C-alpha atoms as a PDB file:
ATOM      1  CA  MET A   1     111.882  46.309 156.311  1.00  0.00           C
ATOM      2  CA  ILE A   2     113.477  48.588 153.717  1.00  0.00           C
ATOM      3  CA  ARG A   3     117.044  47.632 154.641  1.00  0.00           C
ATOM      4  CA  VAL A   4     116.297  43.911 154.626  1.00  0.00           C
ATOM      5  CA  CYS A   5     114.338  43.937 151.370  1.00  0.00           C
ATOM      6  CA  ASP A   6     116.625  46.260 149.407  1.00  0.00           C
ATOM      7  CA  THR A   7     119.226  43.587 148.647  1.00  0.00           C
ATOM      8  CA  ASP A   8     120.191  41.049 146.017  1.00  0.00           C
ATOM      9  CA  LYS A   9     120.311  38.253 148.591  1.00  0.00           C
ATOM     10  CA  PRO A  10     117.449  35.709 148.735  1.00  0.00           C
ATOM     11  CA  CYS A  11     114.887  37.129 151.156  1.00  0.00           C
ATOM     12  CA  LEU A  12     111.495  36.656 149.504  1.00  0.00           C
ATOM     13  CA  HIS A  13     110.701  33.973 152.097  1.00  0.00           C
ATOM     14  CA  LEU A  14     111.224  36.480 154.940  1.00  0.00           C
ATOM     15  CA  VAL A  15     108.891  39.276 153.805  1.00  0.00           C
ATOM     16  CA  TYR A  16     105.617  37.957 155.261  1.00  0.00           C
ATOM     17  CA  GLU A  17     107.140  37.259 158.665  1.00  0.00           C
ATOM     18  CA  LEU A  18     108.986  40.597 158.708  1.00  0.00           C
ATOM     19  CA  TRP A  19     105.752  42.533 158.116  1.00  0.00           C
ATOM     20  CA  ASP A  20     103.984  40.653 160.875  1.00  0.00           C
ATOM     21  CA  SER A  21     106.829  41.144 163.360  1.00  0.00           C
ATOM     22  CA  MET A  22     107.317  44.807 162.419  1.00  0.00           C
ATOM     23  CA  ILE A  23     103.674  45.677 163.124  1.00  0.00           C
ATOM     24  CA  GLU A  24     103.872  44.010 166.527  1.00  0.00           C
ATOM     25  CA  LYS A  25     107.075  45.913 167.364  1.00  0.00           C
ATOM     26  CA  VAL A  26     105.463  49.215 166.350  1.00  0.00           C
ATOM     27  CA  LYS A  27     102.540  48.440 168.637  1.00  0.00           C
ATOM     28  CA  GLN A  28     104.848  47.675 171.549  1.00  0.00           C
ATOM     29  CA  VAL A  29     106.811  50.917 171.100  1.00  0.00           C
ATOM     30  CA  ILE A  30     103.646  53.038 170.954  1.00  0.00           C
ATOM     31  CA  PHE A  31     102.004  51.317 173.919  1.00  0.00           C
ATOM     32  CA  ASP A  32     105.187  51.590 176.014  1.00  0.00           C
ATOM     33  CA  HIS A  33     105.455  55.297 175.174  1.00  0.00           C
ATOM     34  CA  GLU A  34     101.818  55.899 176.141  1.00  0.00           C
ATOM     35  CA  GLY A  35     102.112  53.704 179.262  1.00  0.00           C
ATOM     36  CA  LYS A  36      99.337  51.336 178.208  1.00  0.00           C
ATOM     37  CA  GLN A  37      98.918  47.595 178.592  1.00  0.00           C
ATOM     38  CA  ALA A  38      99.085  45.285 175.578  1.00  0.00           C
ATOM     39  CA  ASP A  39      95.335  44.661 175.744  1.00  0.00           C
ATOM     40  CA  GLY A  40      94.505  48.386 175.944  1.00  0.00           C
ATOM     41  CA  PHE A  41      93.402  50.778 173.194  1.00  0.00           C
ATOM     42  CA  SER A  42      95.434  53.549 171.594  1.00  0.00           C
ATOM     43  CA  PRO A  43      93.756  55.909 169.082  1.00  0.00           C
ATOM     44  CA  PHE A  44      97.166  56.763 167.636  1.00  0.00           C
ATOM     45  CA  TYR A  45      98.130  53.110 167.139  1.00  0.00           C
ATOM     46  CA  TYR A  46      94.696  52.436 165.639  1.00  0.00           C
ATOM     47  CA  VAL A  47      95.465  54.919 162.832  1.00  0.00           C
ATOM     48  CA  VAL A  48      99.046  53.664 162.399  1.00  0.00           C
ATOM     49  CA  HIS A  49      97.903  50.047 162.344  1.00  0.00           C
ATOM     50  CA  ARG A  50      95.378  50.732 159.582  1.00  0.00           C
ATOM     51  CA  ILE A  51      98.060  52.397 157.452  1.00  0.00           C
ATOM     52  CA  LEU A  52     100.550  49.567 157.985  1.00  0.00           C
ATOM     53  CA  VAL A  53      98.002  46.855 157.231  1.00  0.00           C
ATOM     54  CA  ASP A  54      96.892  48.706 154.114  1.00  0.00           C
ATOM     55  CA  TYR A  55     100.448  48.837 152.768  1.00  0.00           C
ATOM     56  CA  TRP A  56     101.028  45.229 153.826  1.00  0.00           C
ATOM     57  CA  ALA A  57      97.996  44.200 151.785  1.00  0.00           C
ATOM     58  CA  LYS A  58      99.415  46.026 148.735  1.00  0.00           C
ATOM     59  CA  SER A  59     102.833  44.379 148.958  1.00  0.00           C
ATOM     60  CA  ASN A  60     101.633  40.946 150.079  1.00  0.00           C
ATOM     61  CA  THR A  61     101.272  38.550 147.145  1.00  0.00           C
ATOM     62  CA  PRO A  62     100.554  34.809 146.731  1.00  0.00           C
ATOM     63  CA  LEU A  63     104.265  34.345 145.991  1.00  0.00           C
ATOM     64  CA  HIS A  64     105.212  35.843 149.376  1.00  0.00           C
ATOM     65  CA  CYS A  65     102.840  33.411 151.086  1.00  0.00           C
ATOM     66  CA  LEU A  66     104.193  30.465 149.083  1.00  0.00           C
ATOM     67  CA  ALA A  67     107.781  31.343 150.037  1.00  0.00           C
ATOM     68  CA  HIS A  68     106.698  31.743 153.672  1.00  0.00           C
ATOM     69  CA  SER A  69     105.038  28.311 153.540  1.00  0.00           C
ATOM     70  CA  LEU A  70     108.168  26.605 152.215  1.00  0.00           C
ATOM     71  CA  ASN A  71     110.534  28.024 154.835  1.00  0.00           C
ATOM     72  CA  PRO A  72     111.118  25.155 157.323  1.00  0.00           C
ATOM     73  CA  ARG A  73     112.105  27.598 160.090  1.00  0.00           C
ATOM     74  CA  PHE A  74     108.512  28.752 160.547  1.00  0.00           C
ATOM     75  CA  TYR A  75     107.420  25.221 161.496  1.00  0.00           C
ATOM     76  CA  ASN A  76     109.895  24.865 164.338  1.00  0.00           C
ATOM     77  CA  GLU A  77     108.399  24.689 167.825  1.00  0.00           C
ATOM     78  CA  LYS A  78     111.096  26.954 169.273  1.00  0.00           C
ATOM     79  CA  LEU A  79     110.175  29.778 166.895  1.00  0.00           C
ATOM     80  CA  LEU A  80     106.434  29.279 167.382  1.00  0.00           C
ATOM     81  CA  GLN A  81     106.834  29.679 171.150  1.00  0.00           C
ATOM     82  CA  GLU A  82     108.688  33.004 170.821  1.00  0.00           C
ATOM     83  CA  GLY A  83     105.522  35.031 170.252  1.00  0.00           C
ATOM     84  CA  GLU A  84     101.956  34.803 171.447  1.00  0.00           C
ATOM     85  CA  GLY A  85      99.496  33.695 168.790  1.00  0.00           C
ATOM     86  CA  ARG A  86     102.140  32.371 166.391  1.00  0.00           C
ATOM     87  CA  VAL A  87     100.995  29.493 164.197  1.00  0.00           C
ATOM     88  CA  PRO A  88     102.812  27.517 161.500  1.00  0.00           C
ATOM     89  CA  PRO A  89     102.043  28.582 157.896  1.00  0.00           C
ATOM     90  CA  HIS A  90      99.808  25.606 157.144  1.00  0.00           C
ATOM     91  CA  MET A  91      97.502  26.662 160.008  1.00  0.00           C
ATOM     92  CA  ASP A  92      97.276  30.285 158.867  1.00  0.00           C
ATOM     93  CA  GLY A  93      94.143  30.777 156.766  1.00  0.00           C
ATOM     94  CA  GLU A  94      95.437  33.696 154.684  1.00  0.00           C
ATOM     95  CA  VAL A  95      98.780  32.049 153.919  1.00  0.00           C
ATOM     96  CA  SER A  96      97.140  28.738 153.031  1.00  0.00           C
ATOM     97  CA  THR A  97      94.644  30.383 150.669  1.00  0.00           C
ATOM     98  CA  GLU A  98      97.389  32.210 148.754  1.00  0.00           C
ATOM     99  CA  ARG A  99      99.618  29.103 148.660  1.00  0.00           C
ATOM    100  CA  ILE A 100      96.774  27.085 147.136  1.00  0.00           C
ATOM    101  CA  LYS A 101      96.445  29.737 144.410  1.00  0.00           C
ATOM    102  CA  CYS A 102     100.141  29.330 143.599  1.00  0.00           C
ATOM    103  CA  PHE A 103      99.924  25.534 143.570  1.00  0.00           C
ATOM    104  CA  ARG A 104      96.950  25.668 141.216  1.00  0.00           C
ATOM    105  CA  ARG A 105      98.900  27.841 138.786  1.00  0.00           C
ATOM    106  CA  ILE A 106     102.307  26.141 139.063  1.00  0.00           C
ATOM    107  CA  PHE A 107     100.992  22.575 138.978  1.00  0.00           C
ATOM    108  CA  SER A 108      98.357  22.895 136.281  1.00  0.00           C
ATOM    109  CA  ASN A 109      98.289  19.120 135.852  1.00  0.00           C
ATOM    110  CA  GLU A 110      95.859  17.703 138.410  1.00  0.00           C
ATOM    111  CA  ASP A 111      97.920  14.585 139.129  1.00  0.00           C
ATOM    112  CA  GLU A 112     101.017  16.691 139.790  1.00  0.00           C
ATOM    113  CA  ARG A 113      99.029  19.033 142.028  1.00  0.00           C
ATOM    114  CA  ILE A 114      97.763  16.090 144.095  1.00  0.00           C
ATOM    115  CA  ARG A 115     101.343  14.846 144.501  1.00  0.00           C
ATOM    116  CA  ALA A 116     102.541  18.349 145.450  1.00  0.00           C
ATOM    117  CA  ASN A 117      99.767  18.709 148.044  1.00  0.00           C
ATOM    118  CA  ASP A 118     100.679  15.312 149.503  1.00  0.00           C
ATOM    119  CA  GLU A 119     104.340  16.302 149.723  1.00  0.00           C
ATOM    120  CA  PHE A 120     103.427  19.600 151.372  1.00  0.00           C
ATOM    121  CA  ALA A 121     101.228  17.791 153.902  1.00  0.00           C
ATOM    122  CA  ASN A 122     104.136  15.537 154.898  1.00  0.00           C
ATOM    123  CA  PHE A 123     106.472  18.545 155.097  1.00  0.00           C
ATOM    124  CA  SER A 124     104.167  20.724 157.221  1.00  0.00           C
ATOM    125  CA  LEU A 125     103.164  17.849 159.529  1.00  0.00           C
ATOM    126  CA  LYS A 126     106.768  16.557 159.785  1.00  0.00           C
ATOM    127  CA  SER A 127     105.598  13.121 158.788  1.00  0.00           C
ATOM    128  CA  GLY A 128     106.751  10.480 156.309  1.00  0.00           C
ATOM    129  CA  PRO A 129     110.175  11.376 154.858  1.00  0.00           C
ATOM    130  CA  PHE A 130     110.237  14.555 156.978  1.00  0.00           C
ATOM    131  CA  ALA A 131     109.874  12.766 160.308  1.00  0.00           C
ATOM    132  CA  ASP A 132     113.622  12.258 160.685  1.00  0.00           C
ATOM    133  CA  PRO A 133     114.860  13.786 163.997  1.00  0.00           C
ATOM    134  CA  ASP A 134     117.798  15.523 162.298  1.00  0.00           C
ATOM    135  CA  SER A 135     115.393  17.062 159.799  1.00  0.00           C
ATOM    136  CA  ILE A 136     113.188  18.464 162.553  1.00  0.00           C
ATOM    137  CA  ARG A 137     116.088  19.749 164.656  1.00  0.00           C
ATOM    138  CA  SER A 138     117.683  21.479 161.658  1.00  0.00           C
ATOM    139  CA  MET A 139     114.559  23.438 160.734  1.00  0.00           C
ATOM    140  CA  TYR A 140     115.386  26.333 163.054  1.00  0.00           C
ATOM    141  CA  VAL A 141     119.102  26.781 162.410  1.00  0.00           C
ATOM    142  CA  THR A 142     119.785  25.650 158.823  1.00  0.00           C
ATOM    143  CA  ASP A 143     119.499  27.912 155.785  1.00  0.00           C
ATOM    144  CA  PRO A 144     116.168  27.059 154.087  1.00  0.00           C
ATOM    145  CA  ARG A 145     117.667  26.074 150.712  1.00  0.00           C
ATOM    146  CA  LYS A 146     120.369  23.979 152.363  1.00  0.00           C
ATOM    147  CA  TRP A 147     117.708  22.282 154.488  1.00  0.00           C
ATOM    148  CA  TRP A 148     115.748  21.317 151.367  1.00  0.00           C
ATOM    149  CA  ALA A 149     118.972  20.033 149.765  1.00  0.00           C
ATOM    150  CA  CYS A 150     119.613  17.807 152.780  1.00  0.00           C
ATOM    151  CA  PHE A 151     116.132  16.553 153.605  1.00  0.00           C
ATOM    152  CA  GLY A 152     113.858  17.171 150.600  1.00  0.00           C
ATOM    153  CA  SER A 153     115.024  14.477 148.169  1.00  0.00           C
ATOM    154  CA  ASN A 154     111.885  12.357 148.721  1.00  0.00           C
ATOM    155  CA  ALA A 155     109.614  15.264 147.758  1.00  0.00           C
ATOM    156  CA  HIS A 156     110.788  15.971 144.212  1.00  0.00           C
ATOM    157  CA  LEU A 157     108.108  18.487 143.199  1.00  0.00           C
ATOM    158  CA  LEU A 158     108.283  20.477 146.418  1.00  0.00           C
ATOM    159  CA  GLN A 159     112.083  20.417 146.585  1.00  0.00           C
ATOM    160  CA  ARG A 160     112.401  21.761 143.042  1.00  0.00           C
ATOM    161  CA  LEU A 161     109.871  24.493 143.791  1.00  0.00           C
ATOM    162  CA  ALA A 162     111.585  25.392 147.082  1.00  0.00           C
ATOM    163  CA  PHE A 163     114.939  25.843 145.341  1.00  0.00           C
ATOM    164  CA  LYS A 164     113.381  28.358 142.937  1.00  0.00           C
ATOM    165  CA  VAL A 165     111.267  30.312 145.427  1.00  0.00           C
ATOM    166  CA  LEU A 166     113.685  30.402 148.357  1.00  0.00           C
ATOM    167  CA  GLY A 167     116.469  31.660 146.095  1.00  0.00           C
ATOM    168  CA  GLN A 168     114.519  34.730 144.964  1.00  0.00           C
ATOM    169  CA  PRO A 169     115.511  38.239 146.105  1.00  0.00           C
ATOM    170  CA  THR A 170     112.943  40.954 146.671  1.00  0.00           C
ATOM    171  CA  SER A 171     113.014  44.748 146.412  1.00  0.00           C
ATOM    172  CA  SER A 172     111.896  47.923 148.153  1.00  0.00           C
ATOM    173  CA  SER A 173     110.229  49.320 145.019  1.00  0.00           C
ATOM    174  CA  CYS A 174     106.892  49.896 146.799  1.00  0.00           C
ATOM    175  CA  CYS A 175     108.584  52.011 149.474  1.00  0.00           C
ATOM    176  CA  GLU A 176     110.642  53.907 146.903  1.00  0.00           C
ATOM    177  CA  ARG A 177     107.448  54.613 144.956  1.00  0.00           C
ATOM    178  CA  ASN A 178     106.084  56.356 148.052  1.00  0.00           C
ATOM    179  CA  TRP A 179     109.202  58.522 148.244  1.00  0.00           C
ATOM    180  CA  SER A 180     108.797  59.387 144.557  1.00  0.00           C
ATOM    181  CA  ILE A 181     105.236  60.523 145.207  1.00  0.00           C
ATOM    182  CA  TYR A 182     106.420  62.782 148.028  1.00  0.00           C
ATOM    183  CA  SER A 183     109.156  64.246 145.808  1.00  0.00           C
ATOM    184  CA  PHE A 184     106.464  65.631 143.490  1.00  0.00           C
ATOM    185  CA  ILE A 185     105.225  67.736 146.407  1.00  0.00           C
ATOM    186  CA  HIS A 186     108.432  68.643 148.238  1.00  0.00           C
ATOM    187  CA  SER A 187     110.946  69.428 145.489  1.00  0.00           C
ATOM    188  CA  CYS A 188     113.960  71.735 145.314  1.00  0.00           C
ATOM    189  CA  ARG A 189     111.685  74.503 144.077  1.00  0.00           C
ATOM    190  CA  ARG A 190     109.513  74.018 147.140  1.00  0.00           C
ATOM    191  CA  ASN A 191     112.158  73.409 149.759  1.00  0.00           C
ATOM    192  CA  LYS A 192     110.717  76.140 152.036  1.00  0.00           C
ATOM    193  CA  LEU A 193     107.368  74.440 152.459  1.00  0.00           C
ATOM    194  CA  THR A 194     106.480  73.863 156.082  1.00  0.00           C
ATOM    195  CA  PRO A 195     105.224  70.406 157.147  1.00  0.00           C
ATOM    196  CA  LYS A 196     101.756  71.888 157.607  1.00  0.00           C
ATOM    197  CA  ARG A 197     101.532  73.172 154.023  1.00  0.00           C
ATOM    198  CA  THR A 198     103.274  70.101 152.608  1.00  0.00           C
ATOM    199  CA  CYS A 199     100.457  67.981 154.010  1.00  0.00           C
ATOM    200  CA  MET A 200      97.888  70.243 152.338  1.00  0.00           C
ATOM    201  CA  GLU A 201      97.051  72.117 155.555  1.00  0.00           C
ATOM    202  CA  ASP A 202      93.713  70.465 156.351  1.00  0.00           C
ATOM    203  CA  VAL A 203      94.992  66.909 155.780  1.00  0.00           C
ATOM    204  CA  GLY A 204      96.813  65.292 158.680  1.00  0.00           C
ATOM    205  CA  VAL A 205     100.193  63.598 158.273  1.00  0.00           C
ATOM    206  CA  LEU A 206      98.756  60.151 159.012  1.00  0.00           C
ATOM    207  CA  GLU A 207      95.875  60.645 156.578  1.00  0.00           C
ATOM    208  CA  PHE A 208      98.223  61.887 153.863  1.00  0.00           C
ATOM    209  CA  ALA A 209     100.470  58.842 154.283  1.00  0.00           C
ATOM    210  CA  ASN A 210      97.722  56.723 152.791  1.00  0.00           C
ATOM    211  CA  LEU A 211      97.329  58.707 149.558  1.00  0.00           C
ATOM    212  CA  SER A 212      98.392  57.388 146.176  1.00  0.00           C
ATOM    213  CA  LEU A 213      98.847  58.810 142.696  1.00  0.00           C
ATOM    214  CA  ASP A 214      95.167  58.129 142.068  1.00  0.00           C
ATOM    215  CA  GLU A 215      94.095  60.707 144.659  1.00  0.00           C
ATOM    216  CA  PRO A 216      92.461  63.836 143.154  1.00  0.00           C
ATOM    217  CA  GLU A 217      94.478  66.108 145.465  1.00  0.00           C
ATOM    218  CA  LEU A 218      97.763  64.667 144.255  1.00  0.00           C
ATOM    219  CA  GLU A 219      96.676  64.637 140.634  1.00  0.00           C
ATOM    220  CA  SER A 220      95.934  68.355 140.750  1.00  0.00           C
ATOM    221  CA  VAL A 221      99.293  69.035 142.376  1.00  0.00           C
ATOM    222  CA  LEU A 222     101.150  66.955 139.789  1.00  0.00           C
ATOM    223  CA  PHE A 223      99.403  68.500 136.814  1.00  0.00           C
ATOM    224  CA  ASP A 224      99.817  72.042 138.144  1.00  0.00           C
ATOM    225  CA  GLU A 225     103.482  71.359 138.810  1.00  0.00           C
ATOM    226  CA  ASN A 226     104.061  69.969 135.323  1.00  0.00           C
ATOM    227  CA  ALA A 227     102.157  72.780 133.678  1.00  0.00           C
ATOM    228  CA  THR A 228     104.090  75.429 135.618  1.00  0.00           C
ATOM    229  CA  THR A 229     107.419  73.790 134.823  1.00  0.00           C
ATOM    230  CA  SER A 230     106.615  73.601 131.096  1.00  0.00           C
ATOM    231  CA  MET A 231     105.628  77.269 130.971  1.00  0.00           C
ATOM    232  CA  GLU A 232     108.796  78.295 132.792  1.00  0.00           C
ATOM    233  CA  LYS A 233     110.920  76.327 130.331  1.00  0.00           C
ATOM    234  CA  GLU A 234     109.207  77.973 127.381  1.00  0.00           C
ATOM    235  CA  ASN A 235     109.752  81.411 128.925  1.00  0.00           C
ATOM    236  CA  GLU A 236     113.433  80.626 129.481  1.00  0.00           C
ATOM    237  CA  LYS A 237     113.832  79.596 125.839  1.00  0.00           C
ATOM    238  CA  ASP A 238     112.145  82.789 124.650  1.00  0.00           C
ATOM    239  CA  SER A 239     114.453  84.867 126.844  1.00  0.00           C
ATOM    240  CA  GLU A 240     117.532  83.121 125.478  1.00  0.00           C
ATOM    241  CA  VAL A 241     116.425  83.743 121.882  1.00  0.00           C
ATOM    242  CA  GLU A 242     115.809  87.419 122.599  1.00  0.00           C
ATOM    243  CA  GLU A 243     119.256  87.797 124.174  1.00  0.00           C
ATOM    244  CA  MET A 244     120.885  86.198 121.130  1.00  0.00           C
ATOM    245  CA  LEU A 245     119.026  88.593 118.814  1.00  0.00           C
END
């Protein structure tokens, strides 16, 4: 996820699907390691799954869902058959709800919004101007923006929106923020901390992974660290002045 998202290339339309696939792959690895069936229960995966879903919810926005909805690849039957339970974006309740929010904001004019919804219905159902066999066959293999350039001319509002959204890059800022939080705890001055003490002794690694800067434990650590650093700097300055005198 970090490698794919940390790029200047257009990949906003891939984020939602990548999160979904990544969680399933994590589940498979854990279940294979524990020798359990896919329909079994793993206490360890239960904790991991909650953490992953929580971070997914923080990084998942209406714009991600809109980009996911406009990617023709996710409507192709070949892709939908690759995984159990896969559904096209227009049949996913969460994605549809967030896309509607975007449409309501982007197309503030009611007449335009009705036209955009009609164009999206034809696109998602592969009907009307999108019923061409070449259009349907190209959904899986053609770059999304190129596909809209070739087959989206009869849906002016949706084509213009797709060009903007599908050309957007994304970033790994949320992940890097987590690393920044950890750097407040495990710094060069504390490079001898053991994993047990780094995780505040009584707090498990998995529990600690879900903390944020708003947590009281972290706030106390940050403030203590800053206060200590400031005092040390003042002491160093005083020592330098004394040496000069």
